[in-house]
Amino acid sequence: MRTINPLLRFHIKVKY
């Protein structure tokens, strides 16, 4: 899930 890694990081940035 290397493509989801960046997406997850972006989601966390928006959440926090």
PDB file of N, CA and C in Angstrom:
ATOM      1  N   MET A   1       0.860  -1.208   0.000  1.00  0.00           N
ATOM      2  CA  MET A   1       0.000   0.000   0.000  1.00  0.00           C
ATOM      3  C   MET A   1       0.887   1.246   0.000  1.00  0.00           C
ATOM      4  N   ARG A   2       1.787   1.320  -0.947  1.00  0.00           N
ATOM      5  CA  ARG A   2       2.690   2.496  -0.992  1.00  0.00           C
ATOM      6  C   ARG A   2       1.922   3.673  -1.591  1.00  0.00           C
ATOM      7  N   THR A   3       0.886   3.394  -2.369  1.00  0.00           N
ATOM      8  CA  THR A   3       0.116   4.521  -2.953  1.00  0.00           C
ATOM      9  C   THR A   3      -0.825   5.109  -1.887  1.00  0.00           C
ATOM     10  N   ILE A   4      -1.218   4.258  -0.946  1.00  0.00           N
ATOM     11  CA  ILE A   4      -2.132   4.756   0.106  1.00  0.00           C
ATOM     12  C   ILE A   4      -1.339   5.531   1.174  1.00  0.00           C
ATOM     13  N   ASN A   5      -0.072   5.220   1.264  1.00  0.00           N
ATOM     14  CA  ASN A   5       0.757   5.902   2.280  1.00  0.00           C
ATOM     15  C   ASN A   5       0.659   7.425   2.161  1.00  0.00           C
ATOM     16  N   PRO A   6       0.934   8.002   1.018  1.00  0.00           N
ATOM     17  CA  PRO A   6       0.859   9.454   0.838  1.00  0.00           C
ATOM     18  C   PRO A   6      -0.562   9.976   1.071  1.00  0.00           C
ATOM     19  N   LEU A   7      -1.528   9.213   0.613  1.00  0.00           N
ATOM     20  CA  LEU A   7      -2.915   9.659   0.786  1.00  0.00           C
ATOM     21  C   LEU A   7      -3.275   9.687   2.270  1.00  0.00           C
ATOM     22  N   LEU A   8      -2.825   8.665   2.981  1.00  0.00           N
ATOM     23  CA  LEU A   8      -3.127   8.607   4.419  1.00  0.00           C
ATOM     24  C   LEU A   8      -2.462   9.773   5.128  1.00  0.00           C
ATOM     25  N   ARG A   9      -1.247  10.052   4.760  1.00  0.00           N
ATOM     26  CA  ARG A   9      -0.506  11.163   5.394  1.00  0.00           C
ATOM     27  C   ARG A   9      -1.243  12.483   5.137  1.00  0.00           C
ATOM     28  N   PHE A  10      -1.747  12.641   3.949  1.00  0.00           N
ATOM     29  CA  PHE A  10      -2.461  13.891   3.617  1.00  0.00           C
ATOM     30  C   PHE A  10      -3.751  13.995   4.445  1.00  0.00           C
ATOM     31  N   HIS A  11      -4.441  12.877   4.593  1.00  0.00           N
ATOM     32  CA  HIS A  11      -5.688  12.864   5.369  1.00  0.00           C
ATOM     33  C   HIS A  11      -5.415  13.247   6.821  1.00  0.00           C
ATOM     34  N   ILE A  12      -4.347  12.701   7.362  1.00  0.00           N
ATOM     35  CA  ILE A  12      -4.002  13.010   8.766  1.00  0.00           C
ATOM     36  C   ILE A  12      -3.672  14.493   8.895  1.00  0.00           C
ATOM     37  N   LYS A  13      -2.999  15.029   7.893  1.00  0.00           N
ATOM     38  CA  LYS A  13      -2.639  16.468   7.950  1.00  0.00           C
ATOM     39  C   LYS A  13      -3.912  17.315   7.951  1.00  0.00           C
ATOM     40  N   VAL A  14      -4.884  16.926   7.186  1.00  0.00           N
ATOM     41  CA  VAL A  14      -6.132  17.707   7.116  1.00  0.00           C
ATOM     42  C   VAL A  14      -6.932  17.517   8.416  1.00  0.00           C
ATOM     43  N   LYS A  15      -6.872  16.290   8.951  1.00  0.00           N
ATOM     44  CA  LYS A  15      -7.615  16.011  10.201  1.00  0.00           C
ATOM     45  C   LYS A  15      -7.002  16.797  11.350  1.00  0.00           C
ATOM     46  N   TYR A  16      -5.686  16.824  11.397  1.00  0.00           N
ATOM     47  CA  TYR A  16      -5.023  17.535  12.504  1.00  0.00           C
ATOM     48  C   TYR A  16      -4.641  18.929  12.048  1.00  0.00           C
TER      49      TYR A  16
END
